[in-house]
């Protein structure tokens, strides 16, 4: 009893601590008991004859008290993980279940032919220039349609193809567009752009006047679709619509030059909303570029510009 009398004050002083330890132990036992009754999912690694490593899920069922020493884990594997049939690492990196996929291949060339074709294409594209002097000579509409088709082969975010090419051939409509553009450009040059910008454009020779707009057989106004519309009228997200449309325009420029025509990439600053209304385009479309397309005039001139050499535009690591 003397020993109990000695430890009683200690217990009375620290009884809260003893109680907390006891509760913690009880809770730990409860959690341990529950977790031991749950199935455990682990990863098993298997290797086939080709050395391709595959992961298969092994589902382990908790053993009962009477058969704990006899029951073995139940192994569940997918058909794709069988030893006889393993997809390549490239296939394994993609989910091909969500959409339809078809075989694809391209014509292969020998090294000499590749070098020849790439050099010839470069030399052809290196002749491309931005032109401001156009002929009024007609161009077959089929040529313009094929050019726009080519632009439509461009890649786009999630294959949303967020572009619209409005081709204007009607002389009256071209005159209205010219008046609209020149109204805004005059304000741009005199007030909005600033003197430095205007001075930087002097070597090119451009002004607010755009006579070529009523000379060329076609104007192509490029719109980006900032979002799409479903059949039910709901919005559809267009990913990277600006970049996607820009890539498409690049292919349009190549197609124009390849067809033996010329163009000018002009940005109708502050005229986009009025152009959209004039051309009766929906609110989800925004003007990106305006391109006059046709033959160059016989007396056409272009600035004597030089392009950067390869070592200034390409870095090899």
C-alpha atoms as a PDB file:
ATOM      1  CA  UNK A   1       0.000   0.000   0.000  1.00  0.00           C
ATOM      2  CA  UNK A   2       2.933   2.287   0.730  1.00  0.00           C
ATOM      3  CA  UNK A   3       4.059   1.867  -2.929  1.00  0.00           C
ATOM      4  CA  UNK A   4       0.583   2.744  -4.198  1.00  0.00           C
ATOM      5  CA  UNK A   5       0.517   5.799  -1.959  1.00  0.00           C
ATOM      6  CA  UNK A   6       3.770   6.957  -3.488  1.00  0.00           C
ATOM      7  CA  UNK A   7       2.637   6.697  -7.147  1.00  0.00           C
ATOM      8  CA  UNK A   8      -0.928   7.950  -6.587  1.00  0.00           C
ATOM      9  CA  UNK A   9       0.068  11.650  -6.688  1.00  0.00           C
ATOM     10  CA  UNK A  10       1.964  10.997  -9.938  1.00  0.00           C
ATOM     11  CA  UNK A  11      -1.073   9.295 -11.540  1.00  0.00           C
ATOM     12  CA  UNK A  12      -3.417  12.041 -10.344  1.00  0.00           C
ATOM     13  CA  UNK A  13      -1.119  14.684 -11.809  1.00  0.00           C
ATOM     14  CA  UNK A  14      -0.628  13.086 -15.250  1.00  0.00           C
ATOM     15  CA  UNK A  15      -3.901  11.122 -15.683  1.00  0.00           C
ATOM     16  CA  UNK A  16      -4.793  13.116 -18.821  1.00  0.00           C
ATOM     17  CA  UNK A  17      -1.634  11.914 -20.551  1.00  0.00           C
ATOM     18  CA  UNK A  18      -2.333   8.287 -19.664  1.00  0.00           C
ATOM     19  CA  UNK A  19      -5.901   8.632 -20.967  1.00  0.00           C
ATOM     20  CA  UNK A  20      -4.680  10.155 -24.269  1.00  0.00           C
ATOM     21  CA  UNK A  21      -2.198   7.315 -24.762  1.00  0.00           C
ATOM     22  CA  UNK A  22      -4.912   4.741 -24.097  1.00  0.00           C
ATOM     23  CA  UNK A  23      -7.326   6.349 -26.600  1.00  0.00           C
ATOM     24  CA  UNK A  24      -4.565   6.595 -29.215  1.00  0.00           C
ATOM     25  CA  UNK A  25      -3.789   2.907 -28.824  1.00  0.00           C
ATOM     26  CA  UNK A  26      -7.454   1.932 -29.184  1.00  0.00           C
ATOM     27  CA  UNK A  27      -7.880   4.075 -32.350  1.00  0.00           C
ATOM     28  CA  UNK A  28      -4.704   2.650 -33.873  1.00  0.00           C
ATOM     29  CA  UNK A  29      -5.987  -0.879 -33.338  1.00  0.00           C
ATOM     30  CA  UNK A  30      -9.324   0.009 -34.934  1.00  0.00           C
ATOM     31  CA  UNK A  31      -7.698   1.480 -38.052  1.00  0.00           C
ATOM     32  CA  UNK A  32      -5.271  -1.429 -38.322  1.00  0.00           C
ATOM     33  CA  UNK A  33      -8.127  -3.905 -38.141  1.00  0.00           C
ATOM     34  CA  UNK A  34     -10.130  -2.112 -40.843  1.00  0.00           C
ATOM     35  CA  UNK A  35      -7.197  -1.727 -43.244  1.00  0.00           C
ATOM     36  CA  UNK A  36      -6.312  -5.408 -42.944  1.00  0.00           C
ATOM     37  CA  UNK A  37      -9.816  -6.315 -44.182  1.00  0.00           C
ATOM     38  CA  UNK A  38      -9.560  -4.202 -47.395  1.00  0.00           C
ATOM     39  CA  UNK A  39      -8.279  -5.641 -50.725  1.00  0.00           C
ATOM     40  CA  UNK A  40      -4.744  -4.601 -51.533  1.00  0.00           C
ATOM     41  CA  UNK A  41      -3.863  -3.571 -55.087  1.00  0.00           C
ATOM     42  CA  UNK A  42      -0.224  -3.970 -56.074  1.00  0.00           C
ATOM     43  CA  UNK A  43       1.630  -3.844 -59.341  1.00  0.00           C
ATOM     44  CA  UNK A  44       3.231  -6.932 -60.846  1.00  0.00           C
ATOM     45  CA  UNK A  45       5.866  -6.623 -63.500  1.00  0.00           C
ATOM     46  CA  UNK A  46       6.062  -9.200 -66.271  1.00  0.00           C
ATOM     47  CA  UNK A  47       8.413  -9.399 -69.196  1.00  0.00           C
ATOM     48  CA  UNK A  48       7.688 -11.140 -72.468  1.00  0.00           C
ATOM     49  CA  UNK A  49      10.094 -12.784 -74.855  1.00  0.00           C
ATOM     50  CA  UNK A  50      10.806  -9.464 -76.581  1.00  0.00           C
ATOM     51  CA  UNK A  51      11.862  -7.827 -73.349  1.00  0.00           C
ATOM     52  CA  UNK A  52       8.871  -5.455 -73.230  1.00  0.00           C
ATOM     53  CA  UNK A  53       7.921  -4.782 -69.663  1.00  0.00           C
ATOM     54  CA  UNK A  54       4.209  -4.827 -68.790  1.00  0.00           C
ATOM     55  CA  UNK A  55       2.402  -3.998 -65.584  1.00  0.00           C
ATOM     56  CA  UNK A  56      -0.599  -6.099 -64.494  1.00  0.00           C
ATOM     57  CA  UNK A  57      -2.893  -5.420 -61.572  1.00  0.00           C
ATOM     58  CA  UNK A  58      -2.922  -8.114 -58.902  1.00  0.00           C
ATOM     59  CA  UNK A  59      -6.039  -8.013 -56.748  1.00  0.00           C
ATOM     60  CA  UNK A  60      -5.436  -9.630 -53.388  1.00  0.00           C
ATOM     61  CA  UNK A  61      -8.566 -10.638 -51.485  1.00  0.00           C
ATOM     62  CA  UNK A  62      -8.270 -10.708 -47.669  1.00  0.00           C
ATOM     63  CA  UNK A  63      -8.030 -14.315 -46.447  1.00  0.00           C
ATOM     64  CA  UNK A  64     -10.696 -15.624 -44.126  1.00  0.00           C
ATOM     65  CA  UNK A  65      -9.733 -16.904 -40.698  1.00  0.00           C
ATOM     66  CA  UNK A  66     -10.257 -20.537 -41.669  1.00  0.00           C
ATOM     67  CA  UNK A  67      -8.416 -20.500 -45.000  1.00  0.00           C
ATOM     68  CA  UNK A  68      -5.695 -17.958 -44.475  1.00  0.00           C
ATOM     69  CA  UNK A  69      -2.996 -20.586 -44.910  1.00  0.00           C
ATOM     70  CA  UNK A  70      -4.490 -22.099 -48.077  1.00  0.00           C
ATOM     71  CA  UNK A  71      -6.050 -19.267 -50.114  1.00  0.00           C
ATOM     72  CA  UNK A  72      -3.835 -17.757 -52.821  1.00  0.00           C
ATOM     73  CA  UNK A  73      -4.138 -14.237 -54.352  1.00  0.00           C
ATOM     74  CA  UNK A  74      -6.502 -13.946 -57.311  1.00  0.00           C
ATOM     75  CA  UNK A  75      -4.634 -12.518 -60.292  1.00  0.00           C
ATOM     76  CA  UNK A  76      -6.665 -10.423 -62.761  1.00  0.00           C
ATOM     77  CA  UNK A  77      -4.989  -9.355 -65.985  1.00  0.00           C
ATOM     78  CA  UNK A  78      -6.289  -7.737 -69.145  1.00  0.00           C
ATOM     79  CA  UNK A  79      -6.107  -9.478 -72.512  1.00  0.00           C
ATOM     80  CA  UNK A  80      -3.610  -6.837 -73.667  1.00  0.00           C
ATOM     81  CA  UNK A  81      -1.194  -8.003 -70.985  1.00  0.00           C
ATOM     82  CA  UNK A  82      -0.993 -11.632 -72.062  1.00  0.00           C
ATOM     83  CA  UNK A  83       2.391 -13.094 -72.828  1.00  0.00           C
ATOM     84  CA  UNK A  84       1.506 -13.767 -76.455  1.00  0.00           C
ATOM     85  CA  UNK A  85       0.297 -10.253 -77.349  1.00  0.00           C
ATOM     86  CA  UNK A  86       2.013  -7.081 -76.146  1.00  0.00           C
ATOM     87  CA  UNK A  87       1.586  -3.647 -77.777  1.00  0.00           C
ATOM     88  CA  UNK A  88       4.703  -1.731 -78.629  1.00  0.00           C
ATOM     89  CA  UNK A  89       5.901   1.001 -76.227  1.00  0.00           C
ATOM     90  CA  UNK A  90       4.653   3.587 -78.740  1.00  0.00           C
ATOM     91  CA  UNK A  91       1.158   2.093 -78.798  1.00  0.00           C
ATOM     92  CA  UNK A  92       1.143   1.765 -75.049  1.00  0.00           C
ATOM     93  CA  UNK A  93       1.659   5.552 -74.727  1.00  0.00           C
ATOM     94  CA  UNK A  94      -1.710   6.364 -76.341  1.00  0.00           C
ATOM     95  CA  UNK A  95      -5.336   5.677 -75.568  1.00  0.00           C
ATOM     96  CA  UNK A  96      -6.795   4.345 -78.812  1.00  0.00           C
ATOM     97  CA  UNK A  97     -10.125   3.286 -77.327  1.00  0.00           C
ATOM     98  CA  UNK A  98     -11.855   6.689 -77.465  1.00  0.00           C
ATOM     99  CA  UNK A  99     -11.865   7.386 -81.206  1.00  0.00           C
ATOM    100  CA  UNK A 100     -11.574   5.692 -84.565  1.00  0.00           C
ATOM    101  CA  UNK A 101      -8.039   5.233 -85.908  1.00  0.00           C
ATOM    102  CA  UNK A 102      -6.916   4.082 -89.338  1.00  0.00           C
ATOM    103  CA  UNK A 103      -3.542   2.939 -90.713  1.00  0.00           C
ATOM    104  CA  UNK A 104      -1.269   5.673 -92.053  1.00  0.00           C
ATOM    105  CA  UNK A 105       1.858   5.711 -94.173  1.00  0.00           C
ATOM    106  CA  UNK A 106       3.663   8.096 -96.513  1.00  0.00           C
ATOM    107  CA  UNK A 107       5.822   7.651 -99.555  1.00  0.00           C
ATOM    108  CA  UNK A 108       9.435   7.132 -98.567  1.00  0.00           C
ATOM    109  CA  UNK A 109      12.327   8.640-100.506  1.00  0.00           C
ATOM    110  CA  UNK A 110      16.000   7.822-100.613  1.00  0.00           C
ATOM    111  CA  UNK A 111      18.387  10.300 -99.038  1.00  0.00           C
ATOM    112  CA  UNK A 112      19.411  11.852-102.348  1.00  0.00           C
ATOM    113  CA  UNK A 113      15.787  12.311-103.409  1.00  0.00           C
ATOM    114  CA  UNK A 114      14.907  13.806-100.008  1.00  0.00           C
ATOM    115  CA  UNK A 115      17.718  16.328-100.287  1.00  0.00           C
ATOM    116  CA  UNK A 116      16.712  17.190-103.833  1.00  0.00           C
ATOM    117  CA  UNK A 117      13.037  17.670-102.988  1.00  0.00           C
ATOM    118  CA  UNK A 118      13.716  19.701 -99.856  1.00  0.00           C
ATOM    119  CA  UNK A 119      16.184  21.933-101.722  1.00  0.00           C
ATOM    120  CA  UNK A 120      13.780  22.484-104.612  1.00  0.00           C
ATOM    121  CA  UNK A 121      10.933  23.351-102.255  1.00  0.00           C
ATOM    122  CA  UNK A 122      13.124  25.794-100.353  1.00  0.00           C
ATOM    123  CA  UNK A 123      14.238  27.514-103.558  1.00  0.00           C
ATOM    124  CA  UNK A 124      10.606  27.840-104.667  1.00  0.00           C
ATOM    125  CA  UNK A 125       9.442  29.255-101.333  1.00  0.00           C
ATOM    126  CA  UNK A 126      12.428  31.594-101.122  1.00  0.00           C
ATOM    127  CA  UNK A 127      10.992  33.415-104.133  1.00  0.00           C
ATOM    128  CA  UNK A 128       7.864  34.283-102.161  1.00  0.00           C
ATOM    129  CA  UNK A 129       7.467  37.984-101.414  1.00  0.00           C
ATOM    130  CA  UNK A 130       4.799  40.247 -99.960  1.00  0.00           C
ATOM    131  CA  UNK A 131       3.431  42.273-102.877  1.00  0.00           C
ATOM    132  CA  UNK A 132       1.458  45.535-102.910  1.00  0.00           C
ATOM    133  CA  UNK A 133       1.133  45.984-106.673  1.00  0.00           C
ATOM    134  CA  UNK A 134      -1.449  43.651-108.196  1.00  0.00           C
ATOM    135  CA  UNK A 135      -2.909  42.934-111.589  1.00  0.00           C
ATOM    136  CA  UNK A 136      -6.652  42.829-112.142  1.00  0.00           C
ATOM    137  CA  UNK A 137      -6.264  39.737-114.308  1.00  0.00           C
ATOM    138  CA  UNK A 138      -8.891  37.147-113.334  1.00  0.00           C
ATOM    139  CA  UNK A 139      -7.939  33.959-111.516  1.00  0.00           C
ATOM    140  CA  UNK A 140     -10.044  30.764-111.758  1.00  0.00           C
ATOM    141  CA  UNK A 141     -12.133  30.279-108.627  1.00  0.00           C
ATOM    142  CA  UNK A 142     -11.114  26.618-108.565  1.00  0.00           C
ATOM    143  CA  UNK A 143      -7.542  27.694-107.871  1.00  0.00           C
ATOM    144  CA  UNK A 144      -8.652  29.698-104.825  1.00  0.00           C
ATOM    145  CA  UNK A 145     -10.779  26.791-103.631  1.00  0.00           C
ATOM    146  CA  UNK A 146      -7.811  24.440-103.817  1.00  0.00           C
ATOM    147  CA  UNK A 147      -5.671  26.968-101.957  1.00  0.00           C
ATOM    148  CA  UNK A 148      -8.201  27.162 -99.138  1.00  0.00           C
ATOM    149  CA  UNK A 149      -8.513  23.377 -99.123  1.00  0.00           C
ATOM    150  CA  UNK A 150      -4.755  23.210 -98.576  1.00  0.00           C
ATOM    151  CA  UNK A 151      -5.013  25.630 -95.656  1.00  0.00           C
ATOM    152  CA  UNK A 152      -7.706  23.382 -94.238  1.00  0.00           C
ATOM    153  CA  UNK A 153      -5.253  20.461 -94.011  1.00  0.00           C
ATOM    154  CA  UNK A 154      -3.422  22.269 -91.229  1.00  0.00           C
ATOM    155  CA  UNK A 155      -3.199  20.734 -87.738  1.00  0.00           C
ATOM    156  CA  UNK A 156      -5.282  22.273 -84.962  1.00  0.00           C
ATOM    157  CA  UNK A 157      -5.783  21.885 -81.234  1.00  0.00           C
ATOM    158  CA  UNK A 158      -7.935  18.793 -80.592  1.00  0.00           C
ATOM    159  CA  UNK A 159      -8.761  18.864 -84.324  1.00  0.00           C
ATOM    160  CA  UNK A 160     -11.246  21.706 -83.829  1.00  0.00           C
ATOM    161  CA  UNK A 161     -10.192  23.435 -87.104  1.00  0.00           C
ATOM    162  CA  UNK A 162     -11.022  26.884 -85.702  1.00  0.00           C
ATOM    163  CA  UNK A 163     -10.786  28.942 -88.899  1.00  0.00           C
ATOM    164  CA  UNK A 164     -13.052  30.479 -91.495  1.00  0.00           C
ATOM    165  CA  UNK A 165     -11.798  31.803 -94.851  1.00  0.00           C
ATOM    166  CA  UNK A 166     -14.164  34.346 -96.375  1.00  0.00           C
ATOM    167  CA  UNK A 167     -13.390  34.785-100.084  1.00  0.00           C
ATOM    168  CA  UNK A 168     -14.671  38.047-101.560  1.00  0.00           C
ATOM    169  CA  UNK A 169     -14.921  38.311-105.342  1.00  0.00           C
ATOM    170  CA  UNK A 170     -17.815  40.779-105.660  1.00  0.00           C
ATOM    171  CA  UNK A 171     -16.469  44.207-106.795  1.00  0.00           C
ATOM    172  CA  UNK A 172     -19.012  46.149-104.752  1.00  0.00           C
ATOM    173  CA  UNK A 173     -18.179  44.223-101.602  1.00  0.00           C
ATOM    174  CA  UNK A 174     -14.456  44.750-102.204  1.00  0.00           C
ATOM    175  CA  UNK A 175     -15.077  48.504-102.528  1.00  0.00           C
ATOM    176  CA  UNK A 176     -16.956  48.553 -99.221  1.00  0.00           C
ATOM    177  CA  UNK A 177     -14.120  46.679 -97.533  1.00  0.00           C
ATOM    178  CA  UNK A 178     -11.563  49.107 -98.946  1.00  0.00           C
ATOM    179  CA  UNK A 179     -13.507  52.127 -97.680  1.00  0.00           C
ATOM    180  CA  UNK A 180     -13.865  50.553 -94.253  1.00  0.00           C
ATOM    181  CA  UNK A 181     -10.176  49.622 -94.017  1.00  0.00           C
ATOM    182  CA  UNK A 182      -8.895  52.974 -95.240  1.00  0.00           C
ATOM    183  CA  UNK A 183     -11.110  54.830 -92.744  1.00  0.00           C
ATOM    184  CA  UNK A 184      -9.509  52.931 -89.880  1.00  0.00           C
ATOM    185  CA  UNK A 185      -5.999  52.931 -91.328  1.00  0.00           C
ATOM    186  CA  UNK A 186      -5.980  56.680 -91.739  1.00  0.00           C
ATOM    187  CA  UNK A 187      -6.732  57.064 -88.033  1.00  0.00           C
ATOM    188  CA  UNK A 188      -4.134  54.402 -87.253  1.00  0.00           C
ATOM    189  CA  UNK A 189      -1.381  56.204 -89.157  1.00  0.00           C
ATOM    190  CA  UNK A 190      -2.289  59.675 -87.928  1.00  0.00           C
ATOM    191  CA  UNK A 191      -3.112  58.965 -84.279  1.00  0.00           C
ATOM    192  CA  UNK A 192      -2.958  55.397 -82.980  1.00  0.00           C
ATOM    193  CA  UNK A 193       0.319  53.953 -84.229  1.00  0.00           C
ATOM    194  CA  UNK A 194       2.765  56.611 -83.133  1.00  0.00           C
ATOM    195  CA  UNK A 195       5.577  58.159 -85.128  1.00  0.00           C
ATOM    196  CA  UNK A 196       8.108  55.391 -84.496  1.00  0.00           C
ATOM    197  CA  UNK A 197       5.830  52.765 -85.965  1.00  0.00           C
ATOM    198  CA  UNK A 198       5.107  54.933 -88.968  1.00  0.00           C
ATOM    199  CA  UNK A 199       8.827  55.552 -89.461  1.00  0.00           C
ATOM    200  CA  UNK A 200       9.583  51.822 -89.262  1.00  0.00           C
ATOM    201  CA  UNK A 201       7.156  51.226 -92.129  1.00  0.00           C
ATOM    202  CA  UNK A 202       8.714  53.837 -94.428  1.00  0.00           C
ATOM    203  CA  UNK A 203      11.298  51.423 -95.981  1.00  0.00           C
ATOM    204  CA  UNK A 204       8.370  49.261 -97.075  1.00  0.00           C
ATOM    205  CA  UNK A 205       6.549  52.209 -98.590  1.00  0.00           C
ATOM    206  CA  UNK A 206       3.155  51.404 -97.087  1.00  0.00           C
ATOM    207  CA  UNK A 207       0.560  54.053 -96.183  1.00  0.00           C
ATOM    208  CA  UNK A 208      -3.049  54.104 -95.083  1.00  0.00           C
ATOM    209  CA  UNK A 209      -4.171  53.910 -98.716  1.00  0.00           C
ATOM    210  CA  UNK A 210      -5.031  50.405 -99.997  1.00  0.00           C
ATOM    211  CA  UNK A 211      -5.815  50.661-103.743  1.00  0.00           C
ATOM    212  CA  UNK A 212      -4.972  47.007-104.349  1.00  0.00           C
ATOM    213  CA  UNK A 213      -8.108  45.949-102.483  1.00  0.00           C
ATOM    214  CA  UNK A 214     -10.265  46.912-105.443  1.00  0.00           C
ATOM    215  CA  UNK A 215      -7.724  45.742-108.032  1.00  0.00           C
ATOM    216  CA  UNK A 216      -7.182  42.120-107.096  1.00  0.00           C
ATOM    217  CA  UNK A 217      -9.670  39.468-108.196  1.00  0.00           C
ATOM    218  CA  UNK A 218     -10.026  38.153-104.636  1.00  0.00           C
ATOM    219  CA  UNK A 219      -9.788  39.237-101.028  1.00  0.00           C
ATOM    220  CA  UNK A 220      -9.463  36.502 -98.416  1.00  0.00           C
ATOM    221  CA  UNK A 221     -10.422  37.526 -94.894  1.00  0.00           C
ATOM    222  CA  UNK A 222      -9.243  35.053 -92.262  1.00  0.00           C
ATOM    223  CA  UNK A 223     -11.334  34.585 -89.136  1.00  0.00           C
ATOM    224  CA  UNK A 224     -10.418  32.614 -86.048  1.00  0.00           C
ATOM    225  CA  UNK A 225     -13.260  30.880 -84.230  1.00  0.00           C
ATOM    226  CA  UNK A 226     -12.641  31.619 -80.558  1.00  0.00           C
ATOM    227  CA  UNK A 227     -15.185  28.945 -79.734  1.00  0.00           C
ATOM    228  CA  UNK A 228     -17.415  26.602 -81.679  1.00  0.00           C
ATOM    229  CA  UNK A 229     -21.128  25.914 -81.576  1.00  0.00           C
ATOM    230  CA  UNK A 230     -22.754  22.502 -81.324  1.00  0.00           C
ATOM    231  CA  UNK A 231     -25.899  21.560 -83.241  1.00  0.00           C
ATOM    232  CA  UNK A 232     -27.887  22.368 -80.110  1.00  0.00           C
ATOM    233  CA  UNK A 233     -26.358  25.847 -79.894  1.00  0.00           C
ATOM    234  CA  UNK A 234     -24.015  25.207 -76.955  1.00  0.00           C
ATOM    235  CA  UNK A 235     -20.462  26.476 -76.908  1.00  0.00           C
ATOM    236  CA  UNK A 236     -17.670  24.117 -77.898  1.00  0.00           C
ATOM    237  CA  UNK A 237     -14.146  24.837 -76.685  1.00  0.00           C
ATOM    238  CA  UNK A 238     -11.601  25.620 -79.378  1.00  0.00           C
ATOM    239  CA  UNK A 239      -8.125  24.975 -78.032  1.00  0.00           C
ATOM    240  CA  UNK A 240      -5.244  27.151 -79.229  1.00  0.00           C
ATOM    241  CA  UNK A 241      -7.478  28.827 -81.805  1.00  0.00           C
ATOM    242  CA  UNK A 242      -4.972  31.649 -82.415  1.00  0.00           C
ATOM    243  CA  UNK A 243      -1.988  29.352 -82.996  1.00  0.00           C
ATOM    244  CA  UNK A 244      -4.035  26.844 -84.992  1.00  0.00           C
ATOM    245  CA  UNK A 245      -5.347  29.545 -87.338  1.00  0.00           C
ATOM    246  CA  UNK A 246      -1.864  31.021 -87.722  1.00  0.00           C
ATOM    247  CA  UNK A 247      -0.432  27.659 -88.789  1.00  0.00           C
ATOM    248  CA  UNK A 248      -3.279  27.287 -91.275  1.00  0.00           C
ATOM    249  CA  UNK A 249      -2.525  30.713 -92.739  1.00  0.00           C
ATOM    250  CA  UNK A 250       1.102  29.663 -93.182  1.00  0.00           C
ATOM    251  CA  UNK A 251      -0.039  26.763 -95.329  1.00  0.00           C
ATOM    252  CA  UNK A 252      -2.345  29.138 -97.213  1.00  0.00           C
ATOM    253  CA  UNK A 253       0.627  31.359 -98.073  1.00  0.00           C
ATOM    254  CA  UNK A 254       2.613  28.401 -99.384  1.00  0.00           C
ATOM    255  CA  UNK A 255      -0.336  27.263-101.495  1.00  0.00           C
ATOM    256  CA  UNK A 256      -0.822  30.764-102.952  1.00  0.00           C
ATOM    257  CA  UNK A 257       2.809  30.977-103.987  1.00  0.00           C
ATOM    258  CA  UNK A 258       2.865  27.407-105.284  1.00  0.00           C
ATOM    259  CA  UNK A 259      -0.103  28.246-107.540  1.00  0.00           C
ATOM    260  CA  UNK A 260       1.853  31.119-109.127  1.00  0.00           C
ATOM    261  CA  UNK A 261      -0.005  33.888-107.315  1.00  0.00           C
ATOM    262  CA  UNK A 262       1.025  36.542-104.800  1.00  0.00           C
ATOM    263  CA  UNK A 263      -0.490  38.046-101.688  1.00  0.00           C
ATOM    264  CA  UNK A 264       0.073  40.455 -98.822  1.00  0.00           C
ATOM    265  CA  UNK A 265      -0.506  39.614 -95.148  1.00  0.00           C
ATOM    266  CA  UNK A 266      -2.278  42.694 -93.806  1.00  0.00           C
ATOM    267  CA  UNK A 267      -3.723  43.165 -90.344  1.00  0.00           C
ATOM    268  CA  UNK A 268      -6.855  45.362 -90.459  1.00  0.00           C
ATOM    269  CA  UNK A 269      -6.221  46.996 -87.086  1.00  0.00           C
ATOM    270  CA  UNK A 270      -9.406  48.199 -85.353  1.00  0.00           C
ATOM    271  CA  UNK A 271     -11.485  47.233 -88.394  1.00  0.00           C
ATOM    272  CA  UNK A 272     -12.216  43.670 -87.298  1.00  0.00           C
ATOM    273  CA  UNK A 273     -15.643  44.220 -85.693  1.00  0.00           C
ATOM    274  CA  UNK A 274     -16.935  46.230 -88.651  1.00  0.00           C
ATOM    275  CA  UNK A 275     -15.588  43.647 -91.092  1.00  0.00           C
ATOM    276  CA  UNK A 276     -17.303  40.860 -89.192  1.00  0.00           C
ATOM    277  CA  UNK A 277     -20.642  42.676 -89.385  1.00  0.00           C
ATOM    278  CA  UNK A 278     -20.187  43.577 -93.065  1.00  0.00           C
ATOM    279  CA  UNK A 279     -19.372  39.963 -93.954  1.00  0.00           C
ATOM    280  CA  UNK A 280     -22.192  38.669 -91.738  1.00  0.00           C
ATOM    281  CA  UNK A 281     -20.021  36.416 -89.624  1.00  0.00           C
ATOM    282  CA  UNK A 282     -21.160  35.150 -86.180  1.00  0.00           C
ATOM    283  CA  UNK A 283     -19.990  36.610 -82.880  1.00  0.00           C
ATOM    284  CA  UNK A 284     -17.634  33.691 -82.160  1.00  0.00           C
ATOM    285  CA  UNK A 285     -15.416  34.668 -85.117  1.00  0.00           C
ATOM    286  CA  UNK A 286     -12.713  37.343 -84.967  1.00  0.00           C
ATOM    287  CA  UNK A 287     -10.710  38.816 -87.867  1.00  0.00           C
ATOM    288  CA  UNK A 288      -7.059  37.764 -87.954  1.00  0.00           C
ATOM    289  CA  UNK A 289      -5.784  38.768 -91.408  1.00  0.00           C
ATOM    290  CA  UNK A 290      -6.858  40.201 -94.737  1.00  0.00           C
ATOM    291  CA  UNK A 291      -5.074  38.912 -97.837  1.00  0.00           C
ATOM    292  CA  UNK A 292      -5.430  40.259-101.374  1.00  0.00           C
ATOM    293  CA  UNK A 293      -4.743  37.426-103.829  1.00  0.00           C
ATOM    294  CA  UNK A 294      -3.932  37.618-107.515  1.00  0.00           C
ATOM    295  CA  UNK A 295      -1.136  38.083-110.041  1.00  0.00           C
ATOM    296  CA  UNK A 296       1.547  40.715-109.508  1.00  0.00           C
ATOM    297  CA  UNK A 297       1.344  43.831-111.672  1.00  0.00           C
ATOM    298  CA  UNK A 298       3.809  44.051-114.551  1.00  0.00           C
ATOM    299  CA  UNK A 299       5.543  46.998-112.852  1.00  0.00           C
ATOM    300  CA  UNK A 300       5.410  45.463-109.362  1.00  0.00           C
ATOM    301  CA  UNK A 301       8.171  46.412-106.942  1.00  0.00           C
ATOM    302  CA  UNK A 302       9.142  44.861-103.610  1.00  0.00           C
ATOM    303  CA  UNK A 303      11.566  46.071-100.913  1.00  0.00           C
ATOM    304  CA  UNK A 304      15.136  44.868-101.341  1.00  0.00           C
ATOM    305  CA  UNK A 305      15.097  42.802 -98.172  1.00  0.00           C
ATOM    306  CA  UNK A 306      17.460  39.935 -97.319  1.00  0.00           C
ATOM    307  CA  UNK A 307      16.488  36.958 -95.195  1.00  0.00           C
ATOM    308  CA  UNK A 308      18.448  35.770 -92.188  1.00  0.00           C
ATOM    309  CA  UNK A 309      20.952  32.974 -92.898  1.00  0.00           C
ATOM    310  CA  UNK A 310      20.355  29.518 -91.479  1.00  0.00           C
ATOM    311  CA  UNK A 311      22.763  29.923 -88.568  1.00  0.00           C
ATOM    312  CA  UNK A 312      20.660  32.826 -87.294  1.00  0.00           C
ATOM    313  CA  UNK A 313      17.342  30.985 -87.322  1.00  0.00           C
ATOM    314  CA  UNK A 314      18.327  27.393 -86.494  1.00  0.00           C
ATOM    315  CA  UNK A 315      20.069  26.065 -83.388  1.00  0.00           C
ATOM    316  CA  UNK A 316      21.281  22.447 -83.393  1.00  0.00           C
ATOM    317  CA  UNK A 317      21.858  20.723 -80.059  1.00  0.00           C
END
